[in-house]
Every structure is written in C-alpha cells, then in structure tokens.
C-alpha cells in the first residue's frame, strides 16, 4: 500500500511553479488569466476526471486529479495576488468545515444520529451564510438533474420529505398520469410542466434508493451510445444505409445487441 502521508515539499513545489508562471517573465498565457477566464477550463478538467472515473482508468484519474488540483492552486494564486486569500486559507477553511460537520468523529459532540447531524449542518449553513431559505445554496450552474437531487436533499434535511419509498412510487405514477392528460389536451406548456414534475419525481426515487440520478443518467447515455454504435456496425456490414431499415428490423437488431 502506498504511503498516504502528504509530501508538503511537492505541494509547495507546485505552488511555487504556479507563482513563477504568473510573475513577470513567466508564461504570457498564465499571466493573462483571471478567475473568470479559467472557469471553462476548470469545468472541462472536472468532466475529464469524471470520465476517467467512469472508465476506472487509474492513470487517467491520477492525471486529471492533477489538472483539477492545478486549477485550485491557480485560483488561489490569483486571489492571493489581490490580497483576498491564500491556498493556506483555503485548506484551513475546509479543515475547519470538515471537523465541524463530523462532531462525533472528532470528539466535539456525543451525537450518534447521522440524520440529526445533517439537519443541524444544513440549519447552521443557512444561518452562517444568511440564506433566506433552507434549500438555497445550490449553484445555478449545476446540471438540472444534479440540482434537483441537491434541492430535494436540502428539503429532506429540513424534514420536508416522504416517509416511505412507496409514497414516492405513488407520486411518480400520479405524475405519469398527469403527463398523459396534458398530452391529450395538446397543450405544450402544460406538457412541459408535467414532464418536469415527472422527471423531478424520478430524481426523488433515485434519492430514496440511494442512487445518484446524475450518475445513473450519464451511464444510461453511455450505454445507449455504445449499443447504437454496435447497431451502426451491424448495419454497415449489410451494405445498406440505416435509413433503408424498417423500425422493426432495427428493433430486432437492437434486441440482439441487448441480449449480447
């Protein structure tokens, strides 16, 4: 097993490299960056890391974690140049947050109730951050599926939640019927609204079953893409275009791919 102790010298070396790149005589591109201009690159690196995790590629995960760490150091360096905060402040802040969030682990409380701890944590965050609502604090930039699950989790921490998964199933079935009714009315706005409620209920079911809706949908997308690529391979061997196949023929091939 590898040594898990942090090599502070390596960490300092990375910090010094970024500092040097930002100074006069450093890299023109790095010196031109701001906190805002780095956002697209940061998002890209995070998604590349997620892709590596999905592929279970340890070398790729290691590389992409390095790229993400670089952006954390980079943003901290820019903030330090403006006398806002340093990377040490960032680390100190997360250390304090983690110990406060896990009082029974760090012997700060005798609480043994994880649910109660989560409720108290959300309540404290609302108070400390001067939020009007207990469900505030979910970044607007988050993908809608991920945002829905976080909103539901925050509402649950405020004890506004279904008492059993059976109620979630009932709500899901109710929303499906409402989508069908909206379709019969042929009202686009109503259809959109009811489909939104249906998707929100599906996310709720994921939460009750301890599944990340975002991960589940991402994996479903990848599975469909892989199967569709196999479908295209099968079609290409026939020397026909995919448009030349009937939907029944394509479904038969699809079923074979699913079984295979």
Protein backbone atom coordinates (compact mmCIF):
# COMPACT_ATOMS: atom_id res chain seq x y z
CA UNK A 1 0.00 0.00 0.00
CA UNK A 2 1.25 3.47 -0.94
CA UNK A 3 2.19 5.99 1.73
CA UNK A 4 -0.79 8.31 2.31
CA UNK A 5 1.21 10.96 4.17
CA UNK A 6 1.23 14.27 2.28
CA UNK A 7 4.57 15.33 0.85
CA UNK A 8 4.46 19.02 1.72
CA UNK A 9 7.56 19.67 -0.36
CA UNK A 10 5.80 18.50 -3.53
CA UNK A 11 2.76 20.64 -2.69
CA UNK A 12 4.96 23.67 -2.12
CA UNK A 13 6.79 22.98 -5.38
CA UNK A 14 3.50 23.05 -7.32
CA UNK A 15 2.52 26.28 -5.62
CA UNK A 16 5.91 27.82 -6.47
CA UNK A 17 5.60 26.74 -10.12
CA UNK A 18 2.23 28.44 -10.50
CA UNK A 19 3.56 31.53 -8.72
CA UNK A 20 6.53 31.71 -11.10
CA UNK A 21 4.30 31.27 -14.16
CA UNK A 22 2.20 34.23 -13.02
CA UNK A 23 5.11 36.61 -12.38
CA UNK A 24 6.79 38.92 -14.95
CA UNK A 25 8.98 36.79 -17.17
CA UNK A 26 6.67 33.83 -16.69
CA UNK A 27 4.14 32.42 -19.16
CA UNK A 28 2.15 35.04 -21.11
CA UNK A 29 -0.96 32.83 -21.21
CA UNK A 30 -0.89 32.06 -17.49
CA UNK A 31 -0.31 35.72 -16.62
CA UNK A 32 -3.28 36.79 -18.75
CA UNK A 33 -5.76 34.52 -16.97
CA UNK A 34 -8.34 35.70 -14.46
CA UNK A 35 -10.62 33.78 -12.10
CA UNK A 36 -13.40 34.08 -14.70
CA UNK A 37 -11.40 33.12 -17.80
CA UNK A 38 -10.29 29.90 -16.10
CA UNK A 39 -13.86 28.68 -15.45
CA UNK A 40 -14.40 26.88 -18.81
CA UNK A 41 -11.07 25.07 -18.48
CA UNK A 42 -11.84 24.11 -14.87
CA UNK A 43 -15.22 22.66 -15.86
CA UNK A 44 -13.60 20.73 -18.70
CA UNK A 45 -10.98 19.24 -16.36
CA UNK A 46 -13.65 18.15 -13.85
CA UNK A 47 -15.61 16.36 -16.59
CA UNK A 48 -12.43 14.71 -17.86
CA UNK A 49 -11.85 13.46 -14.32
CA UNK A 50 -15.41 12.09 -14.18
CA UNK A 51 -14.81 10.32 -17.50
CA UNK A 52 -11.64 8.73 -16.10
CA UNK A 53 -13.52 7.56 -13.00
CA UNK A 54 -16.26 6.05 -15.17
CA UNK A 55 -13.62 4.19 -17.19
CA UNK A 56 -11.88 3.01 -13.97
CA UNK A 57 -8.60 4.19 -15.54
CA UNK A 58 -6.34 4.84 -12.55
CA UNK A 59 -3.59 6.51 -14.60
CA UNK A 60 -6.08 8.85 -16.22
CA UNK A 61 -7.72 9.60 -12.85
CA UNK A 62 -4.31 10.46 -11.40
CA UNK A 63 -3.54 12.79 -14.31
CA UNK A 64 -6.92 14.53 -14.23
CA UNK A 65 -6.80 14.96 -10.45
CA UNK A 66 -3.52 16.77 -11.02
CA UNK A 67 -5.19 19.07 -13.54
CA UNK A 68 -8.02 19.81 -11.11
CA UNK A 69 -5.51 20.47 -8.31
CA UNK A 70 -3.65 22.84 -10.62
CA UNK A 71 -6.81 24.89 -11.07
CA UNK A 72 -7.35 25.06 -7.30
CA UNK A 73 -3.79 26.34 -6.85
CA UNK A 74 -4.21 28.68 -9.83
CA UNK A 75 -7.41 30.25 -8.48
CA UNK A 76 -5.83 30.59 -5.04
CA UNK A 77 -2.77 32.28 -6.57
CA UNK A 78 -4.94 34.82 -8.39
CA UNK A 79 -6.85 35.53 -5.17
CA UNK A 80 -3.57 35.89 -3.27
CA UNK A 81 -2.33 38.48 -5.78
CA UNK A 82 -5.43 40.54 -4.97
CA UNK A 83 -4.89 40.02 -1.22
CA UNK A 84 -8.20 38.14 -0.95
CA UNK A 85 -6.90 34.84 0.49
CA UNK A 86 -4.15 32.23 0.02
CA UNK A 87 -4.12 28.48 -0.55
CA UNK A 88 -3.39 28.11 3.18
CA UNK A 89 -6.67 29.90 3.94
CA UNK A 90 -8.47 27.52 1.58
CA UNK A 91 -7.04 24.45 3.33
CA UNK A 92 -7.65 25.89 6.79
CA UNK A 93 -11.25 26.64 5.86
CA UNK A 94 -12.03 23.14 4.63
CA UNK A 95 -10.28 21.59 7.66
CA UNK A 96 -12.48 23.61 9.99
CA UNK A 97 -15.61 22.80 7.97
CA UNK A 98 -14.95 19.05 7.98
CA UNK A 99 -14.29 18.86 11.72
CA UNK A 100 -17.43 20.87 12.45
CA UNK A 101 -19.53 18.71 10.16
CA UNK A 102 -18.36 15.47 11.83
CA UNK A 103 -18.51 16.30 15.55
CA UNK A 104 -18.76 12.72 16.78
CA UNK A 105 -15.73 11.68 14.69
CA UNK A 106 -13.59 14.48 16.11
CA UNK A 107 -14.97 14.17 19.65
CA UNK A 108 -16.74 17.51 19.63
CA UNK A 109 -20.18 16.05 20.36
CA UNK A 110 -21.83 12.93 21.74
CA UNK A 111 -24.38 12.90 18.91
CA UNK A 112 -24.87 9.47 17.36
CA UNK A 113 -27.62 10.39 14.91
CA UNK A 114 -26.34 10.94 11.36
CA UNK A 115 -29.71 12.26 10.15
CA UNK A 116 -29.88 14.75 13.01
CA UNK A 117 -26.27 15.80 12.29
CA UNK A 118 -27.20 16.50 8.66
CA UNK A 119 -30.26 18.52 9.70
CA UNK A 120 -28.18 20.57 12.13
CA UNK A 121 -25.49 21.11 9.50
CA UNK A 122 -27.97 22.46 6.93
CA UNK A 123 -29.57 24.67 9.58
CA UNK A 124 -26.15 26.05 10.58
CA UNK A 125 -25.23 26.74 6.95
CA UNK A 126 -28.44 28.70 6.41
CA UNK A 127 -27.67 30.78 9.49
CA UNK A 128 -23.96 31.34 8.81
CA UNK A 129 -24.43 32.20 5.14
CA UNK A 130 -27.50 34.40 5.74
CA UNK A 131 -29.64 32.37 3.36
CA UNK A 132 -33.36 33.12 3.20
CA UNK A 133 -34.31 29.51 2.52
CA UNK A 134 -33.13 26.11 3.69
CA UNK A 135 -32.92 25.00 0.05
CA UNK A 136 -30.72 27.93 -1.02
CA UNK A 137 -27.05 27.33 -1.77
CA UNK A 138 -27.39 25.02 -4.78
CA UNK A 139 -25.23 26.57 -7.56
CA UNK A 140 -27.32 27.74 -10.52
CA UNK A 141 -24.70 26.40 -12.92
CA UNK A 142 -25.26 22.78 -11.83
CA UNK A 143 -26.88 20.42 -14.36
CA UNK A 144 -30.65 20.35 -13.75
CA UNK A 145 -30.72 16.68 -12.70
CA UNK A 146 -27.96 17.19 -10.13
CA UNK A 147 -29.57 20.42 -8.95
CA UNK A 148 -32.92 18.67 -8.42
CA UNK A 149 -31.35 16.00 -6.22
CA UNK A 150 -29.47 18.54 -4.10
CA UNK A 151 -32.63 20.63 -3.62
CA UNK A 152 -34.52 17.51 -2.53
CA UNK A 153 -31.73 16.56 -0.12
CA UNK A 154 -31.82 20.02 1.45
CA UNK A 155 -35.62 19.89 1.78
CA UNK A 156 -35.30 16.45 3.37
CA UNK A 157 -32.79 17.80 5.89
CA UNK A 158 -35.49 20.30 6.87
CA UNK A 159 -37.77 17.26 7.45
CA UNK A 160 -39.94 18.04 4.39
CA UNK A 161 -39.93 14.62 2.74
CA UNK A 162 -41.91 11.48 2.01
CA UNK A 163 -41.97 8.99 4.86
CA UNK A 164 -41.50 5.92 2.64
CA UNK A 165 -40.44 4.95 -0.87
CA UNK A 166 -43.96 3.66 -1.54
CA UNK A 167 -45.21 7.25 -1.42
CA UNK A 168 -42.57 8.20 -3.97
CA UNK A 169 -43.79 5.43 -6.29
CA UNK A 170 -47.38 6.68 -5.89
CA UNK A 171 -46.30 10.23 -6.72
CA UNK A 172 -44.36 9.01 -9.76
CA UNK A 173 -47.41 7.14 -11.07
CA UNK A 174 -49.58 10.23 -10.42
CA UNK A 175 -47.20 12.45 -12.40
CA UNK A 176 -47.17 9.98 -15.29
CA UNK A 177 -50.96 10.11 -15.50
CA UNK A 178 -50.80 13.92 -15.49
CA UNK A 179 -48.37 13.86 -18.43
CA UNK A 180 -50.79 11.63 -20.36
CA UNK A 181 -53.66 14.01 -19.55
CA UNK A 182 -51.61 17.02 -20.71
CA UNK A 183 -50.78 15.23 -23.96
CA UNK A 184 -54.49 14.65 -24.65
CA UNK A 185 -55.10 18.39 -24.12
CA UNK A 186 -52.31 19.07 -26.66
CA UNK A 187 -51.11 22.00 -24.52
CA UNK A 188 -47.34 22.38 -24.98
CA UNK A 189 -46.79 24.46 -21.84
CA UNK A 190 -48.79 22.00 -19.76
CA UNK A 191 -46.94 19.04 -21.25
CA UNK A 192 -43.59 20.68 -20.47
CA UNK A 193 -44.65 21.43 -16.91
CA UNK A 194 -45.91 17.92 -16.23
CA UNK A 195 -42.84 16.30 -17.79
CA UNK A 196 -40.71 18.45 -15.49
CA UNK A 197 -42.70 17.19 -12.50
CA UNK A 198 -42.29 13.61 -13.74
CA UNK A 199 -38.53 13.95 -14.07
CA UNK A 200 -38.35 15.60 -10.64
CA UNK A 201 -40.22 12.59 -9.20
CA UNK A 202 -37.82 10.17 -10.91
CA UNK A 203 -34.93 12.02 -9.27
CA UNK A 204 -36.76 11.70 -5.95
CA UNK A 205 -37.00 7.95 -6.45
CA UNK A 206 -33.26 7.82 -7.18
CA UNK A 207 -32.61 9.66 -3.93
CA UNK A 208 -34.77 7.27 -1.92
CA UNK A 209 -32.94 4.31 -3.47
CA UNK A 210 -29.54 5.93 -2.67
CA UNK A 211 -28.68 6.36 -6.34
CA UNK A 212 -27.14 9.46 -7.91
CA UNK A 213 -29.60 10.49 -10.64
CA UNK A 214 -26.78 12.31 -12.45
CA UNK A 215 -24.56 9.21 -12.49
CA UNK A 216 -27.45 6.95 -13.48
CA UNK A 217 -28.42 9.13 -16.45
CA UNK A 218 -24.80 9.61 -17.54
CA UNK A 219 -24.29 5.84 -17.54
CA UNK A 220 -27.57 5.32 -19.41
CA UNK A 221 -26.37 7.78 -22.06
CA UNK A 222 -23.09 5.90 -22.43
CA UNK A 223 -24.89 2.55 -22.63
CA UNK A 224 -27.25 3.81 -25.35
CA UNK A 225 -24.36 5.29 -27.33
CA UNK A 226 -22.39 2.03 -27.13
CA UNK A 227 -25.39 -0.03 -28.27
CA UNK A 228 -26.21 2.42 -31.06
CA UNK A 229 -22.60 2.20 -32.30
CA UNK A 230 -22.97 -1.60 -32.39
CA UNK A 231 -26.22 -1.16 -34.29
CA UNK A 232 -24.42 1.00 -36.85
CA UNK A 233 -21.65 -1.63 -37.16
CA UNK A 234 -24.28 -4.29 -37.86
CA UNK A 235 -25.95 -2.09 -40.46
CA UNK A 236 -22.67 -1.28 -42.22
CA UNK A 237 -21.97 -4.97 -42.74
CA UNK A 238 -25.21 -5.28 -44.73
CA UNK A 239 -24.04 -2.62 -47.21
CA UNK A 240 -27.31 -0.77 -46.65
CA UNK A 241 -27.92 2.63 -45.11
CA UNK A 242 -29.57 2.77 -41.70
CA UNK A 243 -32.46 4.70 -43.27
CA UNK A 244 -33.14 1.67 -45.51
CA UNK A 245 -34.04 -0.48 -42.50
CA UNK A 246 -37.59 -0.56 -41.15
CA UNK A 247 -38.07 0.28 -37.50
CA UNK A 248 -39.00 -3.36 -36.86
CA UNK A 249 -35.73 -4.53 -38.40
CA UNK A 250 -33.75 -2.04 -36.32
CA UNK A 251 -35.58 -3.11 -33.16
CA UNK A 252 -34.74 -6.76 -33.87
CA UNK A 253 -31.05 -5.88 -34.20
CA UNK A 254 -31.30 -3.75 -31.04
CA UNK A 255 -32.77 -6.64 -29.08
CA UNK A 256 -29.96 -8.92 -30.24
CA UNK A 257 -27.39 -6.35 -29.11
CA UNK A 258 -29.06 -6.05 -25.69
CA UNK A 259 -29.01 -9.84 -25.26
CA UNK A 260 -25.40 -9.99 -26.39
